[in-house]
Amino acid sequence: MFNYWTNDIIDPDELVAYVILPESSDAYQTGWSNAEAVQLAKDGAAELDPEKRKAIYFRIQEIYAAEQPMLYLYHKPYVDVTTLKVHNFFQPPTAQWIWKKTWLEA
């Protein structure tokens, strides 16, 4: 199965909620659930201390890696093909193209 979700806000909570919380996507539609990971995901979303959040999200990664509810076979990075006539093109990690400064040479 191919499944994808973009992290629009550059915060681990968005993807963690999608992958860990059963009510979000049923763990990428796998049905996997881990009570500790679910509680950590909720704690991480509410935690304001950056170091505590880091520890929470690292622990979630450890749990997910240990139980491996899904085997990731590959990661397809963004591929952008353009020409030397295109200037100031940029693909941000949020996958939203911003064309305000992009221009095409005649």
PDB file of N, CA and C in Angstrom:
ATOM      1  N   MET A   1       0.845  -1.174   0.000  1.00  0.00           N
ATOM      2  CA  MET A   1       0.000   0.000   0.000  1.00  0.00           C
ATOM      3  C   MET A   1       0.884   1.228   0.000  1.00  0.00           C
ATOM      4  N   PHE A   2       0.471   2.235  -0.686  1.00  0.00           N
ATOM      5  CA  PHE A   2       1.164   3.517  -0.652  1.00  0.00           C
ATOM      6  C   PHE A   2       0.281   4.492   0.102  1.00  0.00           C
ATOM      7  N   ASN A   3       0.855   5.162   1.046  1.00  0.00           N
ATOM      8  CA  ASN A   3       0.110   6.133   1.830  1.00  0.00           C
ATOM      9  C   ASN A   3       1.007   7.315   2.084  1.00  0.00           C
ATOM     10  N   TYR A   4       0.437   8.478   2.160  1.00  0.00           N
ATOM     11  CA  TYR A   4       1.262   9.668   2.300  1.00  0.00           C
ATOM     12  C   TYR A   4       0.521  10.736   3.077  1.00  0.00           C
ATOM     13  N   TRP A   5       1.281  11.476   3.830  1.00  0.00           N
ATOM     14  CA  TRP A   5       0.745  12.626   4.541  1.00  0.00           C
ATOM     15  C   TRP A   5       1.846  13.645   4.632  1.00  0.00           C
ATOM     16  N   THR A   6       1.570  14.868   4.305  1.00  0.00           N
ATOM     17  CA  THR A   6       2.602  15.903   4.373  1.00  0.00           C
ATOM     18  C   THR A   6       2.532  16.622   5.703  1.00  0.00           C
ATOM     19  N   ASN A   7       3.653  17.028   6.174  1.00  0.00           N
ATOM     20  CA  ASN A   7       3.743  17.727   7.443  1.00  0.00           C
ATOM     21  C   ASN A   7       3.674  19.234   7.171  1.00  0.00           C
ATOM     22  N   ASP A   8       2.484  19.762   7.151  1.00  0.00           N
ATOM     23  CA  ASP A   8       2.272  21.167   6.786  1.00  0.00           C
ATOM     24  C   ASP A   8       2.780  22.162   7.820  1.00  0.00           C
ATOM     25  N   ILE A   9       2.955  21.732   9.036  1.00  0.00           N
ATOM     26  CA  ILE A   9       3.297  22.691  10.082  1.00  0.00           C
ATOM     27  C   ILE A   9       4.679  22.466  10.697  1.00  0.00           C
ATOM     28  N   ILE A  10       5.445  21.547  10.160  1.00  0.00           N
ATOM     29  CA  ILE A  10       6.806  21.255  10.626  1.00  0.00           C
ATOM     30  C   ILE A  10       6.825  21.034  12.139  1.00  0.00           C
ATOM     31  N   ASP A  11       5.951  20.195  12.602  1.00  0.00           N
ATOM     32  CA  ASP A  11       5.898  19.804  14.009  1.00  0.00           C
ATOM     33  C   ASP A  11       5.631  18.313  14.044  1.00  0.00           C
ATOM     34  N   PRO A  12       6.336  17.575  14.887  1.00  0.00           N
ATOM     35  CA  PRO A  12       6.142  16.119  14.880  1.00  0.00           C
ATOM     36  C   PRO A  12       4.725  15.672  15.206  1.00  0.00           C
ATOM     37  N   ASP A  13       3.960  16.503  15.883  1.00  0.00           N
ATOM     38  CA  ASP A  13       2.608  16.104  16.267  1.00  0.00           C
ATOM     39  C   ASP A  13       1.728  15.742  15.078  1.00  0.00           C
ATOM     40  N   GLU A  14       1.853  16.463  13.988  1.00  0.00           N
ATOM     41  CA  GLU A  14       0.954  16.214  12.859  1.00  0.00           C
ATOM     42  C   GLU A  14       1.127  14.792  12.315  1.00  0.00           C
ATOM     43  N   LEU A  15       2.356  14.386  12.049  1.00  0.00           N
ATOM     44  CA  LEU A  15       2.573  13.039  11.525  1.00  0.00           C
ATOM     45  C   LEU A  15       2.397  11.970  12.593  1.00  0.00           C
ATOM     46  N   VAL A  16       2.810  12.262  13.799  1.00  0.00           N
ATOM     47  CA  VAL A  16       2.640  11.282  14.874  1.00  0.00           C
ATOM     48  C   VAL A  16       1.161  11.006  15.101  1.00  0.00           C
ATOM     49  N   ALA A  17       0.346  12.026  15.121  1.00  0.00           N
ATOM     50  CA  ALA A  17      -1.095  11.824  15.297  1.00  0.00           C
ATOM     51  C   ALA A  17      -1.648  10.947  14.176  1.00  0.00           C
ATOM     52  N   TYR A  18      -1.210  11.176  12.980  1.00  0.00           N
ATOM     53  CA  TYR A  18      -1.695  10.409  11.829  1.00  0.00           C
ATOM     54  C   TYR A  18      -1.264   8.942  11.900  1.00  0.00           C
ATOM     55  N   VAL A  19      -0.051   8.698  12.366  1.00  0.00           N
ATOM     56  CA  VAL A  19       0.496   7.344  12.375  1.00  0.00           C
ATOM     57  C   VAL A  19       0.151   6.578  13.649  1.00  0.00           C
ATOM     58  N   ILE A  20       0.024   7.271  14.776  1.00  0.00           N
ATOM     59  CA  ILE A  20      -0.115   6.597  16.069  1.00  0.00           C
ATOM     60  C   ILE A  20      -1.553   6.561  16.584  1.00  0.00           C
ATOM     61  N   LEU A  21      -2.270   7.655  16.457  1.00  0.00           N
ATOM     62  CA  LEU A  21      -3.605   7.722  17.061  1.00  0.00           C
ATOM     63  C   LEU A  21      -4.631   6.949  16.226  1.00  0.00           C
ATOM     64  N   PRO A  22      -5.295   5.973  16.821  1.00  0.00           N
ATOM     65  CA  PRO A  22      -6.272   5.176  16.070  1.00  0.00           C
ATOM     66  C   PRO A  22      -7.384   6.020  15.441  1.00  0.00           C
ATOM     67  N   GLU A  23      -7.777   7.080  16.115  1.00  0.00           N
ATOM     68  CA  GLU A  23      -8.869   7.904  15.590  1.00  0.00           C
ATOM     69  C   GLU A  23      -8.463   8.762  14.391  1.00  0.00           C
ATOM     70  N   SER A  24      -7.166   8.909  14.143  1.00  0.00           N
ATOM     71  CA  SER A  24      -6.719   9.744  13.020  1.00  0.00           C
ATOM     72  C   SER A  24      -6.772   8.996  11.697  1.00  0.00           C
ATOM     73  N   SER A  25      -6.077   7.880  11.613  1.00  0.00           N
ATOM     74  CA  SER A  25      -6.063   7.120  10.358  1.00  0.00           C
ATOM     75  C   SER A  25      -5.972   5.628  10.609  1.00  0.00           C
ATOM     76  N   ASP A  26      -6.223   5.244  11.860  1.00  0.00           N
ATOM     77  CA  ASP A  26      -6.095   3.839  12.249  1.00  0.00           C
ATOM     78  C   ASP A  26      -4.684   3.342  11.946  1.00  0.00           C
ATOM     79  N   ALA A  27      -3.706   4.192  12.307  1.00  0.00           N
ATOM     80  CA  ALA A  27      -2.286   3.878  12.126  1.00  0.00           C
ATOM     81  C   ALA A  27      -1.975   3.488  10.683  1.00  0.00           C
ATOM     82  N   TYR A  28      -2.207   4.437   9.784  1.00  0.00           N
ATOM     83  CA  TYR A  28      -2.001   4.191   8.351  1.00  0.00           C
ATOM     84  C   TYR A  28      -2.856   3.021   7.861  1.00  0.00           C
ATOM     85  N   GLN A  29      -4.017   2.908   8.391  1.00  0.00           N
ATOM     86  CA  GLN A  29      -4.970   1.850   8.034  1.00  0.00           C
ATOM     87  C   GLN A  29      -4.428   0.437   8.298  1.00  0.00           C
ATOM     88  N   THR A  30      -3.527   0.297   9.299  1.00  0.00           N
ATOM     89  CA  THR A  30      -2.987  -1.022   9.638  1.00  0.00           C
ATOM     90  C   THR A  30      -3.741  -1.655  10.798  1.00  0.00           C
ATOM     91  N   GLY A  31      -4.449  -0.834  11.586  1.00  0.00           N
ATOM     92  CA  GLY A  31      -5.137  -1.338  12.762  1.00  0.00           C
ATOM     93  C   GLY A  31      -4.222  -1.492  13.964  1.00  0.00           C
ATOM     94  N   TRP A  32      -2.933  -1.167  13.806  1.00  0.00           N
ATOM     95  CA  TRP A  32      -1.974  -1.287  14.902  1.00  0.00           C
ATOM     96  C   TRP A  32      -2.297  -0.258  15.973  1.00  0.00           C
ATOM     97  N   SER A  33      -2.146  -0.664  17.215  1.00  0.00           N
ATOM     98  CA  SER A  33      -2.337   0.267  18.318  1.00  0.00           C
ATOM     99  C   SER A  33      -1.454  -0.165  19.486  1.00  0.00           C
ATOM    100  N   ASN A  34      -0.834   0.798  20.096  1.00  0.00           N
ATOM    101  CA  ASN A  34      -0.005   0.563  21.268  1.00  0.00           C
ATOM    102  C   ASN A  34      -0.413   1.611  22.301  1.00  0.00           C
ATOM    103  N   ALA A  35      -0.895   1.172  23.449  1.00  0.00           N
ATOM    104  CA  ALA A  35      -1.426   2.100  24.458  1.00  0.00           C
ATOM    105  C   ALA A  35      -0.387   3.118  24.907  1.00  0.00           C
ATOM    106  N   GLU A  36       0.858   2.676  25.090  1.00  0.00           N
ATOM    107  CA  GLU A  36       1.906   3.621  25.516  1.00  0.00           C
ATOM    108  C   GLU A  36       2.157   4.666  24.439  1.00  0.00           C
ATOM    109  N   ALA A  37       2.240   4.233  23.190  1.00  0.00           N
ATOM    110  CA  ALA A  37       2.479   5.170  22.084  1.00  0.00           C
ATOM    111  C   ALA A  37       1.328   6.161  21.939  1.00  0.00           C
ATOM    112  N   VAL A  38       0.102   5.679  22.087  1.00  0.00           N
ATOM    113  CA  VAL A  38      -1.073   6.562  21.995  1.00  0.00           C
ATOM    114  C   VAL A  38      -1.023   7.617  23.089  1.00  0.00           C
ATOM    115  N   GLN A  39      -0.730   7.205  24.311  1.00  0.00           N
ATOM    116  CA  GLN A  39      -0.658   8.175  25.403  1.00  0.00           C
ATOM    117  C   GLN A  39       0.491   9.157  25.186  1.00  0.00           C
ATOM    118  N   LEU A  40       1.632   8.662  24.728  1.00  0.00           N
ATOM    119  CA  LEU A  40       2.765   9.552  24.447  1.00  0.00           C
ATOM    120  C   LEU A  40       2.428  10.556  23.347  1.00  0.00           C
ATOM    121  N   ALA A  41       1.699  10.116  22.327  1.00  0.00           N
ATOM    122  CA  ALA A  41       1.308  11.025  21.245  1.00  0.00           C
ATOM    123  C   ALA A  41       0.442  12.150  21.791  1.00  0.00           C
ATOM    124  N   LYS A  42      -0.469  11.822  22.673  1.00  0.00           N
ATOM    125  CA  LYS A  42      -1.327  12.843  23.283  1.00  0.00           C
ATOM    126  C   LYS A  42      -0.520  13.750  24.205  1.00  0.00           C
ATOM    127  N   ASP A  43       0.415  13.155  24.958  1.00  0.00           N
ATOM    128  CA  ASP A  43       1.270  13.949  25.841  1.00  0.00           C
ATOM    129  C   ASP A  43       2.164  14.888  25.041  1.00  0.00           C
ATOM    130  N   GLY A  44       2.712  14.385  23.941  1.00  0.00           N
ATOM    131  CA  GLY A  44       3.593  15.201  23.110  1.00  0.00           C
ATOM    132  C   GLY A  44       2.887  16.399  22.513  1.00  0.00           C
ATOM    133  N   ALA A  45       1.635  16.219  22.127  1.00  0.00           N
ATOM    134  CA  ALA A  45       0.870  17.332  21.561  1.00  0.00           C
ATOM    135  C   ALA A  45       0.615  18.429  22.585  1.00  0.00           C
ATOM    136  N   ALA A  46       0.544  18.050  23.845  1.00  0.00           N
ATOM    137  CA  ALA A  46       0.228  19.021  24.899  1.00  0.00           C
ATOM    138  C   ALA A  46       1.472  19.604  25.571  1.00  0.00           C
ATOM    139  N   GLU A  47       2.607  18.946  25.435  1.00  0.00           N
ATOM    140  CA  GLU A  47       3.823  19.367  26.129  1.00  0.00           C
ATOM    141  C   GLU A  47       4.430  20.622  25.496  1.00  0.00           C
ATOM    142  N   LEU A  48       4.814  21.579  26.322  1.00  0.00           N
ATOM    143  CA  LEU A  48       5.402  22.822  25.828  1.00  0.00           C
ATOM    144  C   LEU A  48       6.928  22.845  25.927  1.00  0.00           C
ATOM    145  N   ASP A  49       7.500  22.059  26.809  1.00  0.00           N
ATOM    146  CA  ASP A  49       8.952  22.038  26.994  1.00  0.00           C
ATOM    147  C   ASP A  49       9.603  21.281  25.828  1.00  0.00           C
ATOM    148  N   PRO A  50      10.476  21.952  25.054  1.00  0.00           N
ATOM    149  CA  PRO A  50      11.066  21.310  23.873  1.00  0.00           C
ATOM    150  C   PRO A  50      11.861  20.035  24.188  1.00  0.00           C
ATOM    151  N   GLU A  51      12.576  20.009  25.289  1.00  0.00           N
ATOM    152  CA  GLU A  51      13.365  18.816  25.639  1.00  0.00           C
ATOM    153  C   GLU A  51      12.471  17.647  26.037  1.00  0.00           C
ATOM    154  N   LYS A  52      11.380  17.950  26.747  1.00  0.00           N
ATOM    155  CA  LYS A  52      10.445  16.893  27.121  1.00  0.00           C
ATOM    156  C   LYS A  52       9.739  16.346  25.875  1.00  0.00           C
ATOM    157  N   ARG A  53       9.373  17.253  24.961  1.00  0.00           N
ATOM    158  CA  ARG A  53       8.742  16.817  23.709  1.00  0.00           C
ATOM    159  C   ARG A  53       9.689  15.926  22.912  1.00  0.00           C
ATOM    160  N   LYS A  54      10.953  16.324  22.872  1.00  0.00           N
ATOM    161  CA  LYS A  54      11.947  15.533  22.146  1.00  0.00           C
ATOM    162  C   LYS A  54      12.015  14.115  22.709  1.00  0.00           C
ATOM    163  N   ALA A  55      12.054  14.001  24.017  1.00  0.00           N
ATOM    164  CA  ALA A  55      12.106  12.679  24.661  1.00  0.00           C
ATOM    165  C   ALA A  55      10.849  11.866  24.351  1.00  0.00           C
ATOM    166  N   ILE A  56       9.710  12.516  24.361  1.00  0.00           N
ATOM    167  CA  ILE A  56       8.442  11.837  24.070  1.00  0.00           C
ATOM    168  C   ILE A  56       8.449  11.284  22.646  1.00  0.00           C
ATOM    169  N   TYR A  57       8.823  12.117  21.677  1.00  0.00           N
ATOM    170  CA  TYR A  57       8.786  11.684  20.284  1.00  0.00           C
ATOM    171  C   TYR A  57       9.863  10.652  19.973  1.00  0.00           C
ATOM    172  N   PHE A  58      11.002  10.727  20.649  1.00  0.00           N
ATOM    173  CA  PHE A  58      12.011   9.681  20.491  1.00  0.00           C
ATOM    174  C   PHE A  58      11.486   8.347  21.018  1.00  0.00           C
ATOM    175  N   ARG A  59      10.784   8.382  22.141  1.00  0.00           N
ATOM    176  CA  ARG A  59      10.226   7.147  22.701  1.00  0.00           C
ATOM    177  C   ARG A  59       9.181   6.540  21.766  1.00  0.00           C
ATOM    178  N   ILE A  60       8.362   7.397  21.168  1.00  0.00           N
ATOM    179  CA  ILE A  60       7.373   6.920  20.195  1.00  0.00           C
ATOM    180  C   ILE A  60       8.082   6.208  19.039  1.00  0.00           C
ATOM    181  N   GLN A  61       9.167   6.783  18.563  1.00  0.00           N
ATOM    182  CA  GLN A  61       9.923   6.161  17.481  1.00  0.00           C
ATOM    183  C   GLN A  61      10.475   4.798  17.894  1.00  0.00           C
ATOM    184  N   GLU A  62      10.943   4.696  19.122  1.00  0.00           N
ATOM    185  CA  GLU A  62      11.463   3.417  19.617  1.00  0.00           C
ATOM    186  C   GLU A  62      10.365   2.353  19.630  1.00  0.00           C
ATOM    187  N   ILE A  63       9.202   2.729  20.116  1.00  0.00           N
ATOM    188  CA  ILE A  63       8.076   1.785  20.172  1.00  0.00           C
ATOM    189  C   ILE A  63       7.689   1.339  18.767  1.00  0.00           C
ATOM    190  N   TYR A  64       7.548   2.306  17.875  1.00  0.00           N
ATOM    191  CA  TYR A  64       7.131   2.004  16.511  1.00  0.00           C
ATOM    192  C   TYR A  64       8.157   1.114  15.812  1.00  0.00           C
ATOM    193  N   ALA A  65       9.434   1.405  16.008  1.00  0.00           N
ATOM    194  CA  ALA A  65      10.492   0.607  15.383  1.00  0.00           C
ATOM    195  C   ALA A  65      10.528  -0.806  15.951  1.00  0.00           C
ATOM    196  N   ALA A  66      10.283  -0.945  17.247  1.00  0.00           N
ATOM    197  CA  ALA A  66      10.320  -2.268  17.877  1.00  0.00           C
ATOM    198  C   ALA A  66       9.160  -3.148  17.421  1.00  0.00           C
ATOM    199  N   GLU A  67       7.979  -2.550  17.272  1.00  0.00           N
ATOM    200  CA  GLU A  67       6.799  -3.344  16.896  1.00  0.00           C
ATOM    201  C   GLU A  67       6.601  -3.460  15.390  1.00  0.00           C
ATOM    202  N   GLN A  68       7.174  -2.577  14.642  1.00  0.00           N
ATOM    203  CA  GLN A  68       7.106  -2.560  13.186  1.00  0.00           C
ATOM    204  C   GLN A  68       5.751  -2.952  12.613  1.00  0.00           C
ATOM    205  N   PRO A  69       4.738  -2.116  12.808  1.00  0.00           N
ATOM    206  CA  PRO A  69       3.426  -2.441  12.249  1.00  0.00           C
ATOM    207  C   PRO A  69       3.401  -2.382  10.724  1.00  0.00           C
ATOM    208  N   MET A  70       4.406  -1.769  10.154  1.00  0.00           N
ATOM    209  CA  MET A  70       4.505  -1.653   8.702  1.00  0.00           C
ATOM    210  C   MET A  70       5.973  -1.747   8.318  1.00  0.00           C
ATOM    211  N   LEU A  71       6.247  -2.314   7.198  1.00  0.00           N
ATOM    212  CA  LEU A  71       7.609  -2.371   6.692  1.00  0.00           C
ATOM    213  C   LEU A  71       7.720  -1.377   5.545  1.00  0.00           C
ATOM    214  N   TYR A  72       8.539  -0.378   5.756  1.00  0.00           N
ATOM    215  CA  TYR A  72       8.738   0.641   4.722  1.00  0.00           C
ATOM    216  C   TYR A  72       9.766   0.122   3.731  1.00  0.00           C
ATOM    217  N   LEU A  73       9.375  -0.069   2.506  1.00  0.00           N
ATOM    218  CA  LEU A  73      10.270  -0.618   1.500  1.00  0.00           C
ATOM    219  C   LEU A  73      11.150   0.442   0.864  1.00  0.00           C
ATOM    220  N   TYR A  74      10.621   1.628   0.699  1.00  0.00           N
ATOM    221  CA  TYR A  74      11.416   2.698   0.112  1.00  0.00           C
ATOM    222  C   TYR A  74      10.755   4.035   0.416  1.00  0.00           C
ATOM    223  N   HIS A  75      11.528   5.065   0.210  1.00  0.00           N
ATOM    224  CA  HIS A  75      11.017   6.428   0.350  1.00  0.00           C
ATOM    225  C   HIS A  75      11.274   7.138  -0.965  1.00  0.00           C
ATOM    226  N   LYS A  76      10.234   7.656  -1.542  1.00  0.00           N
ATOM    227  CA  LYS A  76      10.369   8.367  -2.810  1.00  0.00           C
ATOM    228  C   LYS A  76      10.461   9.863  -2.521  1.00  0.00           C
ATOM    229  N   PRO A  77      11.630  10.456  -2.713  1.00  0.00           N
ATOM    230  CA  PRO A  77      11.756  11.894  -2.466  1.00  0.00           C
ATOM    231  C   PRO A  77      11.058  12.694  -3.558  1.00  0.00           C
ATOM    232  N   TYR A  78      10.867  13.965  -3.269  1.00  0.00           N
ATOM    233  CA  TYR A  78      10.293  14.835  -4.295  1.00  0.00           C
ATOM    234  C   TYR A  78      11.260  14.907  -5.471  1.00  0.00           C
ATOM    235  N   VAL A  79      10.716  14.807  -6.654  1.00  0.00           N
ATOM    236  CA  VAL A  79      11.525  14.948  -7.856  1.00  0.00           C
ATOM    237  C   VAL A  79      10.963  16.142  -8.617  1.00  0.00           C
ATOM    238  N   ASP A  80      11.785  17.139  -8.814  1.00  0.00           N
ATOM    239  CA  ASP A  80      11.379  18.316  -9.570  1.00  0.00           C
ATOM    240  C   ASP A  80      12.272  18.424 -10.795  1.00  0.00           C
ATOM    241  N   VAL A  81      11.667  18.481 -11.946  1.00  0.00           N
ATOM    242  CA  VAL A  81      12.410  18.613 -13.185  1.00  0.00           C
ATOM    243  C   VAL A  81      12.094  19.974 -13.754  1.00  0.00           C
ATOM    244  N   THR A  82      13.122  20.680 -14.120  1.00  0.00           N
ATOM    245  CA  THR A  82      12.924  22.023 -14.642  1.00  0.00           C
ATOM    246  C   THR A  82      13.984  22.298 -15.707  1.00  0.00           C
ATOM    247  N   THR A  83      14.093  23.511 -16.113  1.00  0.00           N
ATOM    248  CA  THR A  83      15.056  23.920 -17.124  1.00  0.00           C
ATOM    249  C   THR A  83      15.859  25.104 -16.579  1.00  0.00           C
ATOM    250  N   LEU A  84      16.965  25.402 -17.203  1.00  0.00           N
ATOM    251  CA  LEU A  84      17.778  26.542 -16.770  1.00  0.00           C
ATOM    252  C   LEU A  84      17.044  27.869 -16.975  1.00  0.00           C
ATOM    253  N   LYS A  85      15.955  27.843 -17.734  1.00  0.00           N
ATOM    254  CA  LYS A  85      15.170  29.056 -17.956  1.00  0.00           C
ATOM    255  C   LYS A  85      14.266  29.393 -16.768  1.00  0.00           C
ATOM    256  N   VAL A  86      14.063  28.444 -15.881  1.00  0.00           N
ATOM    257  CA  VAL A  86      13.237  28.669 -14.695  1.00  0.00           C
ATOM    258  C   VAL A  86      14.137  29.176 -13.573  1.00  0.00           C
ATOM    259  N   HIS A  87      13.762  30.281 -12.973  1.00  0.00           N
ATOM    260  CA  HIS A  87      14.563  30.899 -11.920  1.00  0.00           C
ATOM    261  C   HIS A  87      13.773  30.985 -10.619  1.00  0.00           C
ATOM    262  N   ASN A  88      14.490  30.826  -9.526  1.00  0.00           N
ATOM    263  CA  ASN A  88      13.934  30.945  -8.166  1.00  0.00           C
ATOM    264  C   ASN A  88      12.828  29.937  -7.859  1.00  0.00           C
ATOM    265  N   PHE A  89      12.942  28.762  -8.426  1.00  0.00           N
ATOM    266  CA  PHE A  89      11.997  27.706  -8.093  1.00  0.00           C
ATOM    267  C   PHE A  89      12.484  27.012  -6.830  1.00  0.00           C
ATOM    268  N   PHE A  90      11.575  26.733  -5.911  1.00  0.00           N
ATOM    269  CA  PHE A  90      11.940  26.074  -4.664  1.00  0.00           C
ATOM    270  C   PHE A  90      10.814  25.163  -4.220  1.00  0.00           C
ATOM    271  N   GLN A  91      11.167  23.946  -3.827  1.00  0.00           N
ATOM    272  CA  GLN A  91      10.190  22.984  -3.297  1.00  0.00           C
ATOM    273  C   GLN A  91      10.402  22.904  -1.786  1.00  0.00           C
ATOM    274  N   PRO A  92       9.543  23.545  -0.982  1.00  0.00           N
ATOM    275  CA  PRO A  92       9.701  23.456   0.471  1.00  0.00           C
ATOM    276  C   PRO A  92       9.307  22.070   0.983  1.00  0.00           C
ATOM    277  N   PRO A  93       9.760  21.705   2.167  1.00  0.00           N
ATOM    278  CA  PRO A  93       9.449  20.378   2.697  1.00  0.00           C
ATOM    279  C   PRO A  93       7.965  20.148   2.965  1.00  0.00           C
ATOM    280  N   THR A  94       7.176  21.196   2.978  1.00  0.00           N
ATOM    281  CA  THR A  94       5.739  21.041   3.190  1.00  0.00           C
ATOM    282  C   THR A  94       4.999  20.713   1.901  1.00  0.00           C
ATOM    283  N   ALA A  95       5.721  20.624   0.807  1.00  0.00           N
ATOM    284  CA  ALA A  95       5.183  20.252  -0.506  1.00  0.00           C
ATOM    285  C   ALA A  95       4.294  21.320  -1.135  1.00  0.00           C
ATOM    286  N   GLN A  96       4.313  22.491  -0.587  1.00  0.00           N
ATOM    287  CA  GLN A  96       3.506  23.576  -1.161  1.00  0.00           C
ATOM    288  C   GLN A  96       4.413  24.462  -2.015  1.00  0.00           C
ATOM    289  N   TRP A  97       4.104  24.526  -3.275  1.00  0.00           N
ATOM    290  CA  TRP A  97       4.911  25.376  -4.151  1.00  0.00           C
ATOM    291  C   TRP A  97       4.526  26.821  -3.947  1.00  0.00           C
ATOM    292  N   ILE A  98       5.529  27.662  -3.898  1.00  0.00           N
ATOM    293  CA  ILE A  98       5.316  29.105  -3.773  1.00  0.00           C
ATOM    294  C   ILE A  98       5.930  29.742  -5.016  1.00  0.00           C
ATOM    295  N   TRP A  99       5.088  30.323  -5.809  1.00  0.00           N
ATOM    296  CA  TRP A  99       5.510  30.819  -7.121  1.00  0.00           C
ATOM    297  C   TRP A  99       5.779  32.321  -7.150  1.00  0.00           C
ATOM    298  N   LYS A 100       5.666  33.029  -6.051  1.00  0.00           N
ATOM    299  CA  LYS A 100       5.760  34.491  -6.043  1.00  0.00           C
ATOM    300  C   LYS A 100       7.055  35.024  -6.655  1.00  0.00           C
ATOM    301  N   LYS A 101       8.165  34.332  -6.436  1.00  0.00           N
ATOM    302  CA  LYS A 101       9.454  34.819  -6.939  1.00  0.00           C
ATOM    303  C   LYS A 101       9.982  33.987  -8.100  1.00  0.00           C
ATOM    304  N   THR A 102       9.194  33.035  -8.566  1.00  0.00           N
ATOM    305  CA  THR A 102       9.619  32.184  -9.670  1.00  0.00           C
ATOM    306  C   THR A 102       9.303  32.879 -10.987  1.00  0.00           C
ATOM    307  N   TRP A 103      10.259  32.803 -11.890  1.00  0.00           N
ATOM    308  CA  TRP A 103      10.020  33.418 -13.208  1.00  0.00           C
ATOM    309  C   TRP A 103      10.696  32.596 -14.293  1.00  0.00           C
ATOM    310  N   LEU A 104      10.174  32.742 -15.485  1.00  0.00           N
ATOM    311  CA  LEU A 104      10.661  32.003 -16.644  1.00  0.00           C
ATOM    312  C   LEU A 104      11.367  32.953 -17.601  1.00  0.00           C
ATOM    313  N   GLU A 105      12.589  32.618 -17.921  1.00  0.00           N
ATOM    314  CA  GLU A 105      13.389  33.410 -18.861  1.00  0.00           C
ATOM    315  C   GLU A 105      12.859  33.188 -20.275  1.00  0.00           C
ATOM    316  N   ALA A 106      12.753  34.253 -21.009  1.00  0.00           N
ATOM    317  CA  ALA A 106      12.238  34.145 -22.389  1.00  0.00           C
ATOM    318  C   ALA A 106      13.241  33.521 -23.318  1.00  0.00           C
TER     319      ALA A 106
END
